[in-house]
Protein backbone atom coordinates (compact mmCIF):
# COMPACT_ATOMS: atom_id res chain seq x y z
CA MET A 1 -25.30 1.97 4.12
CA LEU A 2 -25.52 -1.78 4.42
CA LYS A 3 -27.61 -3.67 1.95
CA ARG A 4 -31.01 -3.56 3.59
CA PRO A 5 -34.50 -3.45 2.11
CA LYS A 6 -35.38 0.03 0.88
CA ASP A 7 -38.18 0.47 3.44
CA GLN A 8 -35.76 -0.25 6.30
CA GLN A 9 -33.23 2.22 4.88
CA LEU A 10 -35.88 4.93 4.63
CA THR A 11 -37.11 4.23 8.17
CA ILE A 12 -33.58 4.53 9.58
CA GLN A 13 -33.11 7.83 7.74
CA ALA A 14 -36.49 9.12 8.96
CA LEU A 15 -35.43 8.40 12.53
CA GLY A 16 -32.33 10.55 11.99
CA LEU A 17 -29.96 7.61 12.02
CA GLY A 18 -27.88 6.28 9.17
CA LYS A 19 -24.33 5.92 10.40
CA VAL A 20 -22.89 3.47 12.90
CA ASN A 21 -23.06 4.62 16.54
CA ARG A 22 -25.36 7.57 15.73
CA THR A 23 -27.48 8.65 18.69
CA VAL A 24 -30.72 10.62 18.50
CA GLU A 25 -33.36 11.64 21.02
CA VAL A 26 -36.94 11.72 19.81
CA GLU A 27 -40.31 11.92 21.52
CA ALA A 28 -42.01 8.52 21.92
CA THR A 29 -45.03 9.09 19.71
CA PRO A 30 -46.98 6.16 18.28
CA GLN A 31 -45.47 6.87 14.86
CA ILE A 32 -41.90 6.83 16.19
CA LEU A 33 -42.52 3.67 18.22
CA GLY A 34 -43.88 1.97 15.09
CA MET A 35 -40.78 2.91 13.11
CA VAL A 36 -38.52 1.68 15.92
CA LYS A 37 -40.41 -1.61 16.06
CA LYS A 38 -39.96 -2.02 12.31
CA VAL A 39 -36.16 -1.76 12.57
CA SER A 40 -35.74 -3.04 16.15
CA HIS A 41 -33.20 -5.62 14.97
CA LEU A 42 -30.96 -2.76 13.75
CA VAL A 43 -31.21 -0.30 16.66
CA SER A 44 -31.10 -0.26 20.42
CA VAL A 45 -33.47 1.87 22.48
CA SER A 46 -33.12 3.26 25.98
CA GLU A 47 -35.69 5.39 27.73
């Protein structure tokens, strides 16, 4: 993984991501949306 702050690394892993071009589908709960907002500069989101 790229050198990122530990909290960002853990958030990416919690979302089920971690490798380049990985795609996951998750339900848009407030907790998930908060995690996505935290790493929004690293991921792209489509609904």
